[in-house]
Amino acid sequence: MAVFEIPSYKLVQCVFQPVESVGRARIGGGTSLALTETMDTVFRVDVQTIPLAPALRAAWRAWRGRLRGGLDQFSLYDVTKKNPLAYPFATASTDISGSWGGTATVTSLGASGALGLSGLPANYIFSEGDYIALEEGGKIDLYQVATTITASGGGVVTVSVRPFLRTGLFTTSAVARIWRPKATFVLEPGSWSESAGVLPSPISFSGIQRV
């Protein structure tokens, strides 16, 4: 299965939202509520481009065709949170630390969401809401930091993330991407929208994460 980058990050909307599947059942004559997670939490993304001239809309349509109706995937990062919150003025990972490539080594994965990392810049700050992506064996999964925490002077930290870590898919061989982490999505059927004509107009679509 191929993964294609979006044609451009010139977007007016790029909203990531977790999709949580929780079943609810009332028991005890309605006095109690039983909750069960029926599916793993994934992210949904809603995208809208800037107004595009006809030739640029054609390029986006060609990109859509390469996705083969969802048989192939697309990847992107959340443009509203492209920087870690503690480093709003960084334009590259090297602005945070001169030799840092934007990734970390995974040292442990706890089923409760405790992610052990090393190889970070000294005293690196993870803020609540930052993203971290795990990459291993062609799979990519996206997580959000649940609690603000600072790495040690040696660049070591255990950070709590949500949703819970998929320990059946990822191991300590995974790479943790910190700088502009991406998720992979399939195009949601029926979500593609564009206008015909010669005037510039936007394209919009949605995707559902596939790990």
N, C-alpha and C. Protein backbone atom coordinates (compact mmCIF):
# COMPACT_ATOMS: atom_id res chain seq x y z
N MET A 1 0.84 -1.19 0.00
CA MET A 1 0.00 0.00 0.00
C MET A 1 0.88 1.25 0.00
N ALA A 2 0.67 2.10 -0.99
CA ALA A 2 1.47 3.32 -1.11
C ALA A 2 0.89 4.43 -0.24
N VAL A 3 1.77 5.37 0.14
CA VAL A 3 1.37 6.54 0.91
C VAL A 3 1.85 7.77 0.16
N PHE A 4 0.93 8.71 -0.10
CA PHE A 4 1.25 9.91 -0.87
C PHE A 4 1.11 11.15 0.00
N GLU A 5 2.11 12.01 -0.07
CA GLU A 5 2.05 13.31 0.59
C GLU A 5 1.01 14.18 -0.11
N ILE A 6 0.37 15.09 0.64
CA ILE A 6 -0.56 16.00 -0.01
C ILE A 6 0.22 16.95 -0.92
N PRO A 7 -0.41 17.46 -1.98
CA PRO A 7 0.32 18.30 -2.95
C PRO A 7 0.84 19.61 -2.38
N SER A 8 0.17 20.18 -1.37
CA SER A 8 0.59 21.47 -0.84
C SER A 8 0.05 21.62 0.58
N TYR A 9 0.81 22.35 1.41
CA TYR A 9 0.35 22.67 2.76
C TYR A 9 -0.23 24.08 2.83
N LYS A 10 -0.58 24.66 1.69
CA LYS A 10 -1.26 25.95 1.67
C LYS A 10 -2.75 25.71 1.87
N LEU A 11 -3.12 25.63 3.14
CA LEU A 11 -4.47 25.23 3.51
C LEU A 11 -5.11 26.32 4.38
N VAL A 12 -6.42 26.41 4.30
CA VAL A 12 -7.14 27.30 5.20
C VAL A 12 -7.78 26.51 6.33
N GLN A 13 -7.83 25.19 6.18
CA GLN A 13 -8.37 24.33 7.24
C GLN A 13 -7.62 23.01 7.24
N CYS A 14 -7.26 22.55 8.42
CA CYS A 14 -6.64 21.23 8.60
C CYS A 14 -6.90 20.84 10.05
N VAL A 15 -8.05 20.25 10.29
CA VAL A 15 -8.51 19.99 11.65
C VAL A 15 -8.41 18.51 11.96
N PHE A 16 -7.59 18.16 12.97
CA PHE A 16 -7.49 16.79 13.45
C PHE A 16 -8.42 16.63 14.65
N GLN A 17 -9.24 15.58 14.61
CA GLN A 17 -10.13 15.29 15.73
C GLN A 17 -10.09 13.80 16.02
N PRO A 18 -9.96 13.41 17.30
CA PRO A 18 -10.01 11.97 17.62
C PRO A 18 -11.42 11.42 17.44
N VAL A 19 -11.51 10.23 16.89
CA VAL A 19 -12.79 9.53 16.73
C VAL A 19 -12.79 8.39 17.74
N GLU A 20 -13.60 8.52 18.76
CA GLU A 20 -13.65 7.54 19.84
C GLU A 20 -14.92 6.72 19.73
N SER A 21 -14.78 5.41 19.75
CA SER A 21 -15.92 4.50 19.63
C SER A 21 -16.17 3.85 20.98
N VAL A 22 -17.19 4.33 21.67
CA VAL A 22 -17.52 3.83 23.00
C VAL A 22 -18.98 3.38 23.01
N GLY A 23 -19.18 2.10 23.38
CA GLY A 23 -20.53 1.59 23.52
C GLY A 23 -21.07 1.86 24.92
N ARG A 24 -22.35 2.18 25.00
CA ARG A 24 -22.98 2.52 26.28
C ARG A 24 -24.19 1.63 26.50
N ALA A 25 -24.34 1.13 27.71
CA ALA A 25 -25.49 0.29 28.05
C ALA A 25 -25.92 0.59 29.48
N ARG A 26 -27.20 0.83 29.66
CA ARG A 26 -27.73 1.07 31.01
C ARG A 26 -28.06 -0.26 31.67
N ILE A 27 -27.62 -0.42 32.90
CA ILE A 27 -27.86 -1.64 33.64
C ILE A 27 -28.45 -1.29 35.00
N GLY A 28 -28.90 -2.31 35.72
CA GLY A 28 -29.46 -2.08 37.05
C GLY A 28 -30.69 -1.21 37.01
N GLY A 29 -31.55 -1.46 36.01
CA GLY A 29 -32.76 -0.66 35.94
C GLY A 29 -32.49 0.79 35.58
N GLY A 30 -31.37 1.02 34.92
CA GLY A 30 -31.03 2.38 34.52
C GLY A 30 -30.24 3.15 35.55
N THR A 31 -29.88 2.47 36.65
CA THR A 31 -29.16 3.18 37.71
C THR A 31 -27.66 3.28 37.43
N SER A 32 -27.13 2.44 36.51
CA SER A 32 -25.72 2.45 36.19
C SER A 32 -25.54 2.46 34.69
N LEU A 33 -24.39 2.96 34.29
CA LEU A 33 -24.07 3.03 32.87
C LEU A 33 -22.77 2.29 32.62
N ALA A 34 -22.82 1.24 31.79
CA ALA A 34 -21.63 0.47 31.43
C ALA A 34 -21.05 1.02 30.13
N LEU A 35 -19.76 1.32 30.15
CA LEU A 35 -19.07 1.87 28.99
C LEU A 35 -18.00 0.90 28.52
N THR A 36 -17.95 0.68 27.20
CA THR A 36 -16.96 -0.23 26.62
C THR A 36 -16.41 0.39 25.35
N GLU A 37 -15.06 0.43 25.24
CA GLU A 37 -14.45 0.89 24.01
C GLU A 37 -14.60 -0.20 22.96
N THR A 38 -15.30 0.12 21.87
CA THR A 38 -15.59 -0.88 20.85
C THR A 38 -14.56 -0.90 19.72
N MET A 39 -13.80 0.18 19.56
CA MET A 39 -12.75 0.26 18.55
C MET A 39 -11.63 1.13 19.08
N ASP A 40 -10.41 0.92 18.56
CA ASP A 40 -9.31 1.81 18.91
C ASP A 40 -9.60 3.22 18.42
N THR A 41 -9.17 4.20 19.20
CA THR A 41 -9.33 5.59 18.81
C THR A 41 -8.42 5.91 17.63
N VAL A 42 -8.96 6.60 16.63
CA VAL A 42 -8.19 7.07 15.48
C VAL A 42 -8.50 8.55 15.28
N PHE A 43 -7.77 9.17 14.38
CA PHE A 43 -8.00 10.58 14.08
C PHE A 43 -8.74 10.74 12.76
N ARG A 44 -9.58 11.76 12.71
CA ARG A 44 -10.21 12.21 11.47
C ARG A 44 -9.60 13.57 11.14
N VAL A 45 -9.39 13.83 9.85
CA VAL A 45 -8.89 15.13 9.43
C VAL A 45 -9.84 15.73 8.40
N ASP A 46 -10.12 17.02 8.56
CA ASP A 46 -10.92 17.78 7.61
C ASP A 46 -10.03 18.86 7.01
N VAL A 47 -9.92 18.85 5.68
CA VAL A 47 -8.97 19.70 4.96
C VAL A 47 -9.72 20.60 3.99
N GLN A 48 -9.27 21.86 3.91
CA GLN A 48 -9.72 22.76 2.84
C GLN A 48 -8.51 23.54 2.34
N THR A 49 -8.31 23.55 1.05
CA THR A 49 -7.19 24.28 0.45
C THR A 49 -7.52 25.77 0.34
N ILE A 50 -6.50 26.55 0.01
CA ILE A 50 -6.73 27.92 -0.41
C ILE A 50 -7.44 27.89 -1.76
N PRO A 51 -8.03 28.99 -2.21
CA PRO A 51 -8.60 29.00 -3.56
C PRO A 51 -7.55 28.65 -4.61
N LEU A 52 -7.89 27.71 -5.48
CA LEU A 52 -6.94 27.18 -6.46
C LEU A 52 -7.40 27.51 -7.88
N ALA A 53 -6.43 27.91 -8.72
CA ALA A 53 -6.70 28.09 -10.14
C ALA A 53 -6.99 26.72 -10.76
N PRO A 54 -7.66 26.68 -11.94
CA PRO A 54 -8.02 25.39 -12.54
C PRO A 54 -6.85 24.43 -12.70
N ALA A 55 -5.67 24.91 -13.09
CA ALA A 55 -4.53 24.00 -13.27
C ALA A 55 -4.12 23.37 -11.95
N LEU A 56 -4.19 24.11 -10.84
CA LEU A 56 -3.83 23.56 -9.53
C LEU A 56 -4.91 22.60 -9.05
N ARG A 57 -6.17 22.88 -9.34
CA ARG A 57 -7.23 21.92 -8.99
C ARG A 57 -7.04 20.61 -9.74
N ALA A 58 -6.57 20.71 -10.98
CA ALA A 58 -6.32 19.49 -11.76
C ALA A 58 -5.20 18.67 -11.12
N ALA A 59 -4.19 19.34 -10.57
CA ALA A 59 -3.10 18.61 -9.91
C ALA A 59 -3.61 17.89 -8.66
N TRP A 60 -4.49 18.55 -7.92
CA TRP A 60 -5.07 17.89 -6.75
C TRP A 60 -5.96 16.72 -7.17
N ARG A 61 -6.70 16.85 -8.26
CA ARG A 61 -7.53 15.73 -8.74
C ARG A 61 -6.66 14.55 -9.14
N ALA A 62 -5.52 14.84 -9.77
CA ALA A 62 -4.60 13.75 -10.14
C ALA A 62 -4.08 13.05 -8.89
N TRP A 63 -3.78 13.83 -7.85
CA TRP A 63 -3.35 13.25 -6.57
C TRP A 63 -4.46 12.37 -5.99
N ARG A 64 -5.69 12.86 -6.06
CA ARG A 64 -6.82 12.05 -5.57
C ARG A 64 -6.91 10.73 -6.32
N GLY A 65 -6.67 10.76 -7.62
CA GLY A 65 -6.72 9.53 -8.41
C GLY A 65 -5.68 8.52 -7.97
N ARG A 66 -4.51 8.99 -7.53
CA ARG A 66 -3.46 8.08 -7.08
C ARG A 66 -3.86 7.33 -5.80
N LEU A 67 -4.81 7.88 -5.07
CA LEU A 67 -5.26 7.22 -3.83
C LEU A 67 -6.16 6.03 -4.10
N ARG A 68 -6.64 5.89 -5.33
CA ARG A 68 -7.42 4.72 -5.76
C ARG A 68 -8.61 4.45 -4.83
N GLY A 69 -9.31 5.51 -4.49
CA GLY A 69 -10.53 5.35 -3.71
C GLY A 69 -10.32 4.84 -2.30
N GLY A 70 -9.09 4.93 -1.79
CA GLY A 70 -8.81 4.46 -0.43
C GLY A 70 -7.92 3.25 -0.36
N LEU A 71 -7.59 2.65 -1.52
CA LEU A 71 -6.66 1.53 -1.51
C LEU A 71 -5.26 2.00 -1.12
N ASP A 72 -4.94 3.25 -1.47
CA ASP A 72 -3.70 3.86 -1.03
C ASP A 72 -4.02 5.01 -0.07
N GLN A 73 -3.01 5.47 0.64
CA GLN A 73 -3.22 6.43 1.71
C GLN A 73 -2.53 7.75 1.42
N PHE A 74 -2.89 8.75 2.22
CA PHE A 74 -2.17 10.02 2.15
C PHE A 74 -1.69 10.39 3.55
N SER A 75 -0.65 11.21 3.60
CA SER A 75 -0.10 11.60 4.89
C SER A 75 -0.04 13.12 4.99
N LEU A 76 -0.17 13.62 6.20
CA LEU A 76 0.01 15.04 6.46
C LEU A 76 0.15 15.26 7.95
N TYR A 77 0.69 16.42 8.30
CA TYR A 77 0.74 16.83 9.70
C TYR A 77 -0.30 17.91 9.94
N ASP A 78 -0.61 18.17 11.19
CA ASP A 78 -1.60 19.16 11.58
C ASP A 78 -0.96 20.55 11.45
N VAL A 79 -1.38 21.32 10.44
CA VAL A 79 -0.74 22.62 10.22
C VAL A 79 -1.05 23.61 11.33
N THR A 80 -2.08 23.34 12.12
CA THR A 80 -2.37 24.24 13.24
C THR A 80 -1.46 23.96 14.43
N LYS A 81 -0.76 22.81 14.41
CA LYS A 81 0.16 22.45 15.50
C LYS A 81 1.46 21.90 14.90
N LYS A 82 1.94 22.57 13.86
CA LYS A 82 3.13 22.06 13.19
C LYS A 82 4.37 22.22 14.06
N ASN A 83 4.34 23.14 15.02
CA ASN A 83 5.45 23.31 15.95
C ASN A 83 5.07 22.79 17.32
N PRO A 84 6.00 22.19 18.06
CA PRO A 84 5.74 21.92 19.47
C PRO A 84 5.37 23.23 20.18
N LEU A 85 4.41 23.18 21.08
CA LEU A 85 3.86 24.40 21.66
C LEU A 85 4.91 25.22 22.40
N ALA A 86 5.93 24.58 22.95
CA ALA A 86 6.96 25.31 23.69
C ALA A 86 7.96 26.00 22.77
N TYR A 87 7.87 25.75 21.45
CA TYR A 87 8.85 26.29 20.51
C TYR A 87 8.13 26.92 19.31
N PRO A 88 7.32 27.95 19.55
CA PRO A 88 6.46 28.48 18.48
C PRO A 88 7.21 29.16 17.34
N PHE A 89 8.45 29.60 17.56
CA PHE A 89 9.17 30.35 16.54
C PHE A 89 10.20 29.51 15.79
N ALA A 90 10.27 28.23 16.09
CA ALA A 90 11.20 27.36 15.38
C ALA A 90 10.71 27.13 13.95
N THR A 91 11.61 27.20 13.00
CA THR A 91 11.27 26.89 11.61
C THR A 91 11.83 25.54 11.17
N ALA A 92 12.68 24.96 11.99
CA ALA A 92 13.24 23.62 11.74
C ALA A 92 13.63 23.03 13.09
N SER A 93 13.78 21.72 13.13
CA SER A 93 14.15 21.07 14.39
C SER A 93 15.50 21.57 14.90
N THR A 94 16.37 21.99 13.99
CA THR A 94 17.69 22.48 14.40
C THR A 94 17.61 23.83 15.11
N ASP A 95 16.48 24.53 15.00
CA ASP A 95 16.30 25.76 15.77
C ASP A 95 16.10 25.45 17.25
N ILE A 96 15.67 24.24 17.56
CA ILE A 96 15.48 23.83 18.95
C ILE A 96 16.80 23.35 19.53
N SER A 97 17.52 22.57 18.75
CA SER A 97 18.86 22.12 19.11
C SER A 97 19.64 21.94 17.83
N GLY A 98 20.85 22.49 17.78
CA GLY A 98 21.59 22.62 16.53
C GLY A 98 21.80 21.35 15.73
N SER A 99 21.89 20.22 16.37
CA SER A 99 22.16 18.98 15.64
C SER A 99 20.98 17.99 15.68
N TRP A 100 19.85 18.44 16.19
CA TRP A 100 18.72 17.52 16.38
C TRP A 100 17.94 17.35 15.09
N GLY A 101 17.63 16.08 14.75
CA GLY A 101 16.89 15.78 13.53
C GLY A 101 15.40 15.69 13.71
N GLY A 102 14.89 15.93 14.91
CA GLY A 102 13.44 15.94 15.12
C GLY A 102 12.84 14.62 15.54
N THR A 103 13.69 13.62 15.85
CA THR A 103 13.19 12.32 16.26
C THR A 103 13.79 11.94 17.62
N ALA A 104 13.27 10.86 18.20
CA ALA A 104 13.79 10.33 19.46
C ALA A 104 13.77 8.81 19.39
N THR A 105 14.55 8.20 20.27
CA THR A 105 14.60 6.75 20.39
C THR A 105 13.57 6.29 21.40
N VAL A 106 12.81 5.26 21.06
CA VAL A 106 11.81 4.71 21.97
C VAL A 106 12.50 3.72 22.90
N THR A 107 12.37 3.95 24.20
CA THR A 107 13.00 3.06 25.19
C THR A 107 11.99 2.16 25.88
N SER A 108 10.71 2.56 25.91
CA SER A 108 9.68 1.72 26.54
C SER A 108 8.32 2.16 26.06
N LEU A 109 7.38 1.19 26.05
CA LEU A 109 5.98 1.47 25.70
C LEU A 109 5.09 0.81 26.73
N GLY A 110 4.43 1.62 27.52
CA GLY A 110 3.51 1.10 28.51
C GLY A 110 2.09 1.07 27.98
N ALA A 111 1.36 0.00 28.26
CA ALA A 111 0.00 -0.13 27.76
C ALA A 111 -0.90 1.00 28.23
N SER A 112 -0.56 1.63 29.36
CA SER A 112 -1.38 2.72 29.88
C SER A 112 -1.08 4.05 29.22
N GLY A 113 -0.14 4.10 28.27
CA GLY A 113 0.18 5.33 27.58
C GLY A 113 1.48 5.97 28.00
N ALA A 114 2.31 5.28 28.76
CA ALA A 114 3.61 5.81 29.18
C ALA A 114 4.65 5.48 28.12
N LEU A 115 5.16 6.51 27.47
CA LEU A 115 6.10 6.35 26.37
C LEU A 115 7.48 6.84 26.81
N GLY A 116 8.45 5.92 26.90
CA GLY A 116 9.80 6.27 27.28
C GLY A 116 10.62 6.67 26.06
N LEU A 117 11.32 7.82 26.15
CA LEU A 117 12.08 8.34 25.02
C LEU A 117 13.48 8.75 25.47
N SER A 118 14.42 8.66 24.56
CA SER A 118 15.77 9.19 24.78
C SER A 118 16.24 9.83 23.48
N GLY A 119 17.40 10.47 23.54
CA GLY A 119 17.93 11.12 22.35
C GLY A 119 17.29 12.45 22.04
N LEU A 120 16.64 13.06 23.02
CA LEU A 120 16.02 14.38 22.85
C LEU A 120 17.02 15.48 23.18
N PRO A 121 16.76 16.71 22.75
CA PRO A 121 17.58 17.82 23.22
C PRO A 121 17.50 17.95 24.74
N ALA A 122 18.55 18.46 25.34
CA ALA A 122 18.57 18.64 26.79
C ALA A 122 17.40 19.51 27.23
N ASN A 123 16.68 19.02 28.26
CA ASN A 123 15.57 19.77 28.86
C ASN A 123 14.46 20.09 27.87
N TYR A 124 14.27 19.21 26.89
CA TYR A 124 13.20 19.40 25.91
C TYR A 124 11.84 19.41 26.60
N ILE A 125 10.96 20.33 26.20
CA ILE A 125 9.65 20.48 26.84
C ILE A 125 8.56 19.88 25.95
N PHE A 126 7.86 18.88 26.46
CA PHE A 126 6.62 18.39 25.84
C PHE A 126 5.45 19.10 26.51
N SER A 127 4.61 19.74 25.70
CA SER A 127 3.44 20.43 26.23
C SER A 127 2.19 19.61 25.97
N GLU A 128 1.23 19.70 26.88
CA GLU A 128 -0.05 19.03 26.69
C GLU A 128 -0.64 19.45 25.35
N GLY A 129 -0.98 18.46 24.52
CA GLY A 129 -1.53 18.74 23.19
C GLY A 129 -0.54 18.57 22.06
N ASP A 130 0.78 18.51 22.37
CA ASP A 130 1.77 18.23 21.32
C ASP A 130 1.52 16.84 20.72
N TYR A 131 1.95 16.67 19.49
CA TYR A 131 1.83 15.37 18.83
C TYR A 131 3.17 14.63 18.84
N ILE A 132 3.08 13.31 18.89
CA ILE A 132 4.21 12.42 18.69
C ILE A 132 3.75 11.31 17.75
N ALA A 133 4.55 10.98 16.74
CA ALA A 133 4.22 9.87 15.85
C ALA A 133 5.22 8.74 16.07
N LEU A 134 4.73 7.51 16.10
CA LEU A 134 5.58 6.33 16.12
C LEU A 134 5.61 5.73 14.73
N GLU A 135 6.83 5.39 14.27
CA GLU A 135 7.01 4.84 12.94
C GLU A 135 7.80 3.55 13.04
N GLU A 136 7.25 2.49 12.48
CA GLU A 136 7.93 1.20 12.50
C GLU A 136 7.33 0.28 11.45
N GLY A 137 8.19 -0.36 10.66
CA GLY A 137 7.73 -1.35 9.70
C GLY A 137 6.71 -0.84 8.70
N GLY A 138 6.84 0.43 8.30
CA GLY A 138 5.90 1.01 7.35
C GLY A 138 4.62 1.53 7.97
N LYS A 139 4.44 1.34 9.26
CA LYS A 139 3.25 1.83 9.96
C LYS A 139 3.56 3.14 10.69
N ILE A 140 2.57 4.02 10.73
CA ILE A 140 2.70 5.29 11.43
C ILE A 140 1.46 5.48 12.30
N ASP A 141 1.68 5.87 13.55
CA ASP A 141 0.55 6.13 14.44
C ASP A 141 0.80 7.45 15.16
N LEU A 142 -0.28 8.17 15.41
CA LEU A 142 -0.20 9.51 15.99
C LEU A 142 -0.78 9.53 17.39
N TYR A 143 -0.09 10.23 18.28
CA TYR A 143 -0.53 10.35 19.68
C TYR A 143 -0.41 11.80 20.12
N GLN A 144 -1.19 12.15 21.15
CA GLN A 144 -1.09 13.48 21.74
C GLN A 144 -0.58 13.38 23.16
N VAL A 145 0.27 14.34 23.52
CA VAL A 145 0.80 14.40 24.87
C VAL A 145 -0.32 14.78 25.83
N ALA A 146 -0.44 14.02 26.93
CA ALA A 146 -1.52 14.24 27.88
C ALA A 146 -1.15 15.18 29.00
N THR A 147 0.14 15.27 29.34
CA THR A 147 0.59 16.07 30.47
C THR A 147 1.92 16.73 30.12
N THR A 148 2.04 18.02 30.40
CA THR A 148 3.29 18.73 30.15
C THR A 148 4.41 18.16 31.02
N ILE A 149 5.58 17.95 30.38
CA ILE A 149 6.71 17.38 31.09
C ILE A 149 8.00 17.80 30.39
N THR A 150 9.09 17.90 31.16
CA THR A 150 10.38 18.32 30.63
C THR A 150 11.37 17.16 30.71
N ALA A 151 12.09 16.94 29.62
CA ALA A 151 13.11 15.89 29.59
C ALA A 151 14.28 16.27 30.49
N SER A 152 15.08 15.30 30.83
CA SER A 152 16.26 15.54 31.66
C SER A 152 17.33 16.26 30.85
N GLY A 153 18.39 16.65 31.52
CA GLY A 153 19.51 17.26 30.84
C GLY A 153 20.16 16.32 29.85
N GLY A 154 19.95 15.02 30.02
CA GLY A 154 20.47 14.02 29.10
C GLY A 154 19.51 13.67 27.99
N GLY A 155 18.36 14.36 27.91
CA GLY A 155 17.40 14.11 26.84
C GLY A 155 16.58 12.86 27.01
N VAL A 156 16.28 12.51 28.27
CA VAL A 156 15.50 11.30 28.57
C VAL A 156 14.20 11.71 29.26
N VAL A 157 13.10 11.04 28.90
CA VAL A 157 11.81 11.38 29.51
C VAL A 157 10.85 10.21 29.34
N THR A 158 9.87 10.13 30.23
CA THR A 158 8.71 9.25 30.02
C THR A 158 7.49 10.15 29.95
N VAL A 159 6.84 10.17 28.81
CA VAL A 159 5.74 11.08 28.56
C VAL A 159 4.45 10.29 28.44
N SER A 160 3.37 10.83 28.99
CA SER A 160 2.06 10.19 28.93
C SER A 160 1.33 10.66 27.68
N VAL A 161 0.83 9.70 26.88
CA VAL A 161 0.18 10.05 25.62
C VAL A 161 -1.21 9.41 25.54
N ARG A 162 -2.04 9.98 24.69
CA ARG A 162 -3.35 9.44 24.37
C ARG A 162 -3.53 9.47 22.86
N PRO A 163 -4.25 8.53 22.26
CA PRO A 163 -4.83 7.36 22.90
C PRO A 163 -3.74 6.42 23.40
N PHE A 164 -4.16 5.37 24.11
CA PHE A 164 -3.20 4.43 24.65
C PHE A 164 -2.34 3.84 23.53
N LEU A 165 -1.11 3.52 23.86
CA LEU A 165 -0.15 3.02 22.87
C LEU A 165 -0.58 1.66 22.32
N ARG A 166 -0.42 1.49 21.02
CA ARG A 166 -0.74 0.21 20.38
C ARG A 166 0.50 -0.69 20.47
N THR A 167 0.63 -1.31 21.62
CA THR A 167 1.83 -2.12 21.89
C THR A 167 1.87 -3.39 21.05
N GLY A 168 0.76 -3.76 20.44
CA GLY A 168 0.78 -4.91 19.54
C GLY A 168 1.37 -4.58 18.18
N LEU A 169 1.50 -3.30 17.86
CA LEU A 169 2.03 -2.88 16.56
C LEU A 169 3.40 -2.25 16.66
N PHE A 170 3.72 -1.65 17.80
CA PHE A 170 4.96 -0.90 17.92
C PHE A 170 5.80 -1.42 19.08
N THR A 171 7.11 -1.39 18.88
CA THR A 171 8.06 -1.89 19.87
C THR A 171 9.12 -0.81 20.10
N THR A 172 10.15 -1.16 20.86
CA THR A 172 11.24 -0.22 21.08
C THR A 172 12.13 -0.07 19.85
N SER A 173 11.81 -0.76 18.77
CA SER A 173 12.49 -0.53 17.50
C SER A 173 11.88 0.64 16.73
N ALA A 174 10.76 1.16 17.22
CA ALA A 174 10.09 2.27 16.55
C ALA A 174 10.90 3.55 16.69
N VAL A 175 10.70 4.45 15.75
CA VAL A 175 11.23 5.81 15.82
C VAL A 175 10.10 6.73 16.25
N ALA A 176 10.38 7.61 17.20
CA ALA A 176 9.39 8.61 17.62
C ALA A 176 9.69 9.91 16.90
N ARG A 177 8.75 10.36 16.09
CA ARG A 177 8.94 11.63 15.37
C ARG A 177 8.27 12.74 16.16
N ILE A 178 9.06 13.73 16.53
CA ILE A 178 8.59 14.83 17.37
C ILE A 178 8.33 16.09 16.54
N TRP A 179 9.19 16.34 15.57
CA TRP A 179 9.06 17.54 14.74
C TRP A 179 8.12 17.25 13.57
N ARG A 180 7.00 17.94 13.54
CA ARG A 180 6.00 17.80 12.49
C ARG A 180 5.62 16.34 12.23
N PRO A 181 5.15 15.66 13.26
CA PRO A 181 4.76 14.25 13.08
C PRO A 181 3.50 14.13 12.22
N LYS A 182 3.50 13.14 11.36
CA LYS A 182 2.39 12.95 10.43
C LYS A 182 1.57 11.72 10.83
N ALA A 183 0.36 11.70 10.33
CA ALA A 183 -0.47 10.50 10.38
C ALA A 183 -0.82 10.12 8.95
N THR A 184 -1.26 8.89 8.76
CA THR A 184 -1.68 8.42 7.44
C THR A 184 -3.18 8.18 7.45
N PHE A 185 -3.82 8.54 6.33
CA PHE A 185 -5.27 8.54 6.24
C PHE A 185 -5.74 7.90 4.94
N VAL A 186 -6.98 7.43 4.94
CA VAL A 186 -7.68 7.07 3.71
C VAL A 186 -8.75 8.13 3.48
N LEU A 187 -8.97 8.43 2.22
CA LEU A 187 -9.97 9.43 1.85
C LEU A 187 -11.36 8.94 2.24
N GLU A 188 -12.09 9.78 2.93
CA GLU A 188 -13.44 9.39 3.34
C GLU A 188 -14.38 9.46 2.14
N PRO A 189 -15.09 8.38 1.81
CA PRO A 189 -15.96 8.37 0.63
C PRO A 189 -16.98 9.51 0.68
N GLY A 190 -17.14 10.17 -0.45
CA GLY A 190 -18.14 11.22 -0.56
C GLY A 190 -17.74 12.55 0.02
N SER A 191 -16.52 12.67 0.55
CA SER A 191 -16.13 13.91 1.22
C SER A 191 -15.50 14.93 0.27
N TRP A 192 -15.08 14.49 -0.92
CA TRP A 192 -14.37 15.39 -1.84
C TRP A 192 -15.34 16.42 -2.41
N SER A 193 -14.96 17.70 -2.35
CA SER A 193 -15.82 18.76 -2.86
C SER A 193 -14.97 19.80 -3.57
N GLU A 194 -15.39 20.18 -4.77
CA GLU A 194 -14.72 21.25 -5.51
C GLU A 194 -15.71 21.87 -6.48
N SER A 195 -15.39 23.09 -6.92
CA SER A 195 -16.25 23.80 -7.86
C SER A 195 -15.60 23.80 -9.24
N ALA A 196 -16.42 23.76 -10.27
CA ALA A 196 -15.92 23.88 -11.64
C ALA A 196 -15.84 25.36 -12.01
N GLY A 197 -15.20 25.65 -13.13
CA GLY A 197 -15.13 27.02 -13.60
C GLY A 197 -13.71 27.52 -13.68
N VAL A 198 -13.57 28.75 -14.13
CA VAL A 198 -12.24 29.32 -14.37
C VAL A 198 -11.75 30.14 -13.19
N LEU A 199 -12.62 30.50 -12.27
CA LEU A 199 -12.20 31.30 -11.12
C LEU A 199 -11.55 30.41 -10.07
N PRO A 200 -10.58 30.93 -9.31
CA PRO A 200 -9.99 30.15 -8.23
C PRO A 200 -11.03 29.73 -7.20
N SER A 201 -10.96 28.48 -6.78
CA SER A 201 -11.89 27.97 -5.78
C SER A 201 -11.21 26.86 -5.00
N PRO A 202 -11.62 26.63 -3.75
CA PRO A 202 -10.95 25.62 -2.92
C PRO A 202 -11.43 24.22 -3.19
N ILE A 203 -10.65 23.27 -2.72
CA ILE A 203 -11.03 21.86 -2.65
C ILE A 203 -11.08 21.47 -1.19
N SER A 204 -12.07 20.69 -0.82
CA SER A 204 -12.15 20.20 0.56
C SER A 204 -12.39 18.70 0.56
N PHE A 205 -11.91 18.04 1.62
CA PHE A 205 -12.09 16.59 1.76
C PHE A 205 -11.78 16.19 3.17
N SER A 206 -12.13 14.97 3.52
CA SER A 206 -11.87 14.42 4.85
C SER A 206 -11.17 13.08 4.72
N GLY A 207 -10.47 12.70 5.80
CA GLY A 207 -9.81 11.41 5.82
C GLY A 207 -9.93 10.77 7.20
N ILE A 208 -9.87 9.45 7.22
CA ILE A 208 -9.88 8.68 8.47
C ILE A 208 -8.53 7.97 8.61
N GLN A 209 -7.93 8.09 9.78
CA GLN A 209 -6.61 7.52 9.98
C GLN A 209 -6.60 6.01 9.80
N ARG A 210 -5.56 5.54 9.13
CA ARG A 210 -5.29 4.11 9.03
C ARG A 210 -3.84 3.90 9.46
N VAL A 211 -3.65 3.10 10.48
CA VAL A 211 -2.29 2.88 11.02
C VAL A 211 -1.55 1.92 10.10
